[in-house]
Amino acid sequence: MNDEVNWTDIASAVFSAFALVLSCYSLYWSLIVDTRNRRRRGLLDLGRARALLATVPEQAEELKEGYHSHFAATGGFHSGAREKADKKLDGIAALAKRLQAETESLERRLHEEWMWALEPYLVEADRVLLDAQNCRDELKDHDRQFERACEESRVVMMHRQQGDAQRCSDPSSRS
């Protein structure tokens, strides 16, 4: 029998074991860092969604008040248009409030869940952010439509006043 110790084989085995432990640790660490980054990205998306949604109900209410005062001042729009605008703005505000609740729930879940359970919540965070952006854009579009309608009614009122002034100054139009 050979009682001689083969130090090369022992060193090779120790090095292989060390390399295996190091690669397992590296894989585990990269998963942790990846999870932290993905969680952070999801939370940032939800933070942006919350910031977008924070002012939407208030803006919708202000826009509704603007519509009401415009309807009262001009007497121009028929009641169906006012009701339609109210319904649309109430829908936008309700959507924003629902999305705010979803945002808070998702933020809690992202803080609580472990790495393998994050993916569905990250997908939901992306969807909520997109919905929040669409909600804000829809409100802005509605605001532009309102401004356009106000401008058109101002032009109509101005032309009407000019026509009345012309008829008053024109002696042939008096009877």
Protein backbone atom coordinates (compact mmCIF):
# COMPACT_ATOMS: atom_id res chain seq x y z
CA MET A 1 0.00 0.00 0.00
CA ASN A 2 0.98 3.49 -0.70
CA ASP A 3 0.97 5.55 2.51
CA GLU A 4 2.07 8.66 0.73
CA VAL A 5 -0.45 11.55 0.82
CA ASN A 6 -1.22 13.11 -2.52
CA TRP A 7 -1.27 16.78 -1.61
CA THR A 8 -2.14 17.79 -5.14
CA ASP A 9 -5.44 15.90 -5.02
CA ILE A 10 -6.27 17.30 -1.58
CA ALA A 11 -5.48 20.85 -2.70
CA SER A 12 -7.54 20.36 -5.84
CA ALA A 13 -10.51 19.04 -3.82
CA VAL A 14 -10.29 21.90 -1.33
CA PHE A 15 -10.03 24.44 -4.14
CA SER A 16 -13.01 22.87 -5.96
CA ALA A 17 -15.08 22.93 -2.77
CA PHE A 18 -14.11 26.55 -2.14
CA ALA A 19 -15.01 27.48 -5.74
CA LEU A 20 -18.36 25.71 -5.41
CA VAL A 21 -19.15 27.54 -2.16
CA LEU A 22 -18.06 30.84 -3.69
CA SER A 23 -20.19 30.35 -6.82
CA CYS A 24 -23.23 29.39 -4.69
CA TYR A 25 -22.70 32.48 -2.56
CA SER A 26 -22.30 34.61 -5.69
CA LEU A 27 -25.51 33.23 -7.20
CA TYR A 28 -27.40 33.78 -3.94
CA TRP A 29 -26.04 37.34 -3.62
CA SER A 30 -26.96 38.18 -7.22
CA LEU A 31 -30.50 36.93 -6.57
CA ILE A 32 -30.72 39.10 -3.47
CA VAL A 33 -29.39 42.18 -5.29
CA ASP A 34 -31.64 41.50 -8.29
CA THR A 35 -34.62 41.12 -5.97
CA ARG A 36 -33.77 44.36 -4.17
CA ASN A 37 -33.41 46.20 -7.47
CA ARG A 38 -36.65 44.80 -8.85
CA ARG A 39 -38.48 45.58 -5.61
CA ARG A 40 -37.05 49.12 -5.65
CA ARG A 41 -38.15 49.57 -9.28
CA GLY A 42 -41.66 48.37 -8.42
CA LEU A 43 -41.83 50.72 -5.45
CA LEU A 44 -40.61 53.61 -7.60
CA ASP A 45 -43.30 52.84 -10.18
CA LEU A 46 -45.91 52.80 -7.44
CA GLY A 47 -44.54 56.03 -5.98
CA ARG A 48 -44.88 57.70 -9.37
CA ALA A 49 -48.40 56.30 -9.69
CA ARG A 50 -49.32 57.64 -6.26
CA ALA A 51 -47.92 61.07 -7.13
CA LEU A 52 -49.91 61.12 -10.38
CA LEU A 53 -53.10 60.03 -8.67
CA ALA A 54 -52.83 62.28 -5.64
CA THR A 55 -54.18 65.35 -7.40
CA VAL A 56 -56.58 63.76 -9.89
CA PRO A 57 -59.75 63.73 -7.70
CA GLU A 58 -59.16 67.33 -6.67
CA GLN A 59 -58.49 68.42 -10.26
CA ALA A 60 -61.59 66.58 -11.45
CA GLU A 61 -63.66 68.37 -8.82
CA GLU A 62 -62.19 71.75 -9.81
CA LEU A 63 -62.89 71.03 -13.46
CA LYS A 64 -66.46 70.04 -12.60
CA GLU A 65 -66.92 73.31 -10.69
CA GLY A 66 -65.53 75.15 -13.72
CA TYR A 67 -68.07 73.42 -15.94
CA HIS A 68 -70.89 74.30 -13.55
CA SER A 69 -69.94 77.96 -13.38
CA HIS A 70 -69.51 78.06 -17.15
CA PHE A 71 -72.92 76.44 -17.67
CA ALA A 72 -74.47 78.92 -15.24
CA ALA A 73 -72.76 81.95 -16.81
CA THR A 74 -73.42 81.17 -20.44
CA GLY A 75 -76.57 79.15 -20.17
CA GLY A 76 -75.22 77.67 -23.35
CA PHE A 77 -74.84 73.96 -22.86
CA HIS A 78 -77.89 71.77 -22.59
CA SER A 79 -78.35 69.78 -19.39
CA GLY A 80 -77.37 66.52 -21.10
CA ALA A 81 -73.88 67.88 -21.76
CA ARG A 82 -73.52 68.97 -18.15
CA GLU A 83 -74.65 65.59 -16.85
CA LYS A 84 -72.34 63.81 -19.28
CA ALA A 85 -69.38 65.94 -18.15
CA ASP A 86 -70.22 65.34 -14.48
CA LYS A 87 -70.46 61.60 -15.06
CA LYS A 88 -67.16 61.51 -16.93
CA LEU A 89 -65.32 63.53 -14.28
CA ASP A 90 -66.84 61.47 -11.46
CA GLY A 91 -65.66 58.34 -13.29
CA ILE A 92 -62.12 59.70 -13.58
CA ALA A 93 -62.05 60.63 -9.88
CA ALA A 94 -63.41 57.20 -8.88
CA LEU A 95 -60.79 55.47 -11.05
CA ALA A 96 -58.05 57.54 -9.42
CA LYS A 97 -59.27 56.62 -5.93
CA ARG A 98 -59.44 52.92 -6.85
CA LEU A 99 -55.93 53.07 -8.29
CA GLN A 100 -54.70 54.81 -5.13
CA ALA A 101 -56.04 51.93 -3.02
CA GLU A 102 -54.41 49.40 -5.37
CA THR A 103 -51.14 51.32 -5.13
CA GLU A 104 -51.12 51.22 -1.34
CA SER A 105 -51.96 47.50 -1.32
CA LEU A 106 -49.23 46.69 -3.82
CA GLU A 107 -46.67 48.73 -1.88
CA ARG A 108 -47.45 46.71 1.26
CA ARG A 109 -47.15 43.44 -0.65
CA LEU A 110 -43.85 44.43 -2.24
CA HIS A 111 -42.42 45.14 1.22
CA GLU A 112 -43.73 41.86 2.65
CA GLU A 113 -43.12 39.29 -0.09
CA TRP A 114 -39.95 37.32 -0.63
CA MET A 115 -38.12 37.16 -3.96
CA TRP A 116 -39.97 34.31 -5.68
CA ALA A 117 -43.35 35.93 -5.04
CA LEU A 118 -42.47 39.40 -6.35
CA GLU A 119 -43.12 38.96 -10.08
CA PRO A 120 -46.96 39.22 -10.02
CA TYR A 121 -46.77 42.34 -7.87
CA LEU A 122 -44.19 43.94 -10.14
CA VAL A 123 -46.43 43.28 -13.14
CA GLU A 124 -49.34 44.82 -11.23
CA ALA A 125 -47.18 47.84 -10.30
CA ASP A 126 -46.42 48.41 -14.00
CA ARG A 127 -50.14 48.15 -14.83
CA VAL A 128 -51.14 50.55 -12.05
CA LEU A 129 -48.54 53.09 -13.18
CA LEU A 130 -49.81 52.85 -16.76
CA ASP A 131 -53.43 53.18 -15.60
CA ALA A 132 -52.48 56.19 -13.47
CA GLN A 133 -50.79 57.85 -16.44
CA ASN A 134 -53.84 57.15 -18.61
CA CYS A 135 -56.15 58.54 -15.92
CA ARG A 136 -54.10 61.73 -15.67
CA ASP A 137 -53.95 62.04 -19.47
CA GLU A 138 -57.70 61.55 -19.73
CA LEU A 139 -58.28 64.30 -17.19
CA LYS A 140 -55.89 66.61 -19.07
CA ASP A 141 -57.68 65.82 -22.33
CA HIS A 142 -61.03 66.58 -20.70
CA ASP A 143 -59.58 69.85 -19.36
CA ARG A 144 -58.41 70.81 -22.88
CA GLN A 145 -61.86 70.02 -24.27
CA PHE A 146 -63.43 72.19 -21.60
CA GLU A 147 -61.04 75.07 -22.35
CA ARG A 148 -61.83 74.75 -26.05
CA ALA A 149 -65.59 74.79 -25.33
CA CYS A 150 -65.18 77.86 -23.11
CA GLU A 151 -63.19 79.65 -25.78
CA GLU A 152 -65.78 78.82 -28.44
CA SER A 153 -68.61 80.10 -26.25
CA ARG A 154 -66.61 83.30 -25.51
CA VAL A 155 -66.22 83.86 -29.25
CA VAL A 156 -69.93 83.26 -29.81
CA MET A 157 -70.83 85.67 -26.98
CA MET A 158 -68.41 88.28 -28.33
CA HIS A 159 -69.92 88.04 -31.82
CA ARG A 160 -73.40 88.20 -30.36
CA GLN A 161 -72.50 91.34 -28.37
CA GLN A 162 -70.90 92.95 -31.43
CA GLY A 163 -74.03 92.16 -33.45
CA ASP A 164 -76.24 93.71 -30.75
CA ALA A 165 -74.03 96.80 -30.62
CA GLN A 166 -74.14 97.13 -34.39
CA ARG A 167 -77.93 96.87 -34.46
CA CYS A 168 -78.21 99.50 -31.75
CA SER A 169 -75.96 101.94 -33.61
CA ASP A 170 -77.54 101.30 -37.02
CA PRO A 171 -80.54 103.68 -37.35
CA SER A 172 -82.11 101.58 -40.11
CA SER A 173 -82.41 98.58 -37.81
CA ARG A 174 -84.52 100.52 -35.29
CA SER A 175 -88.23 100.36 -35.77
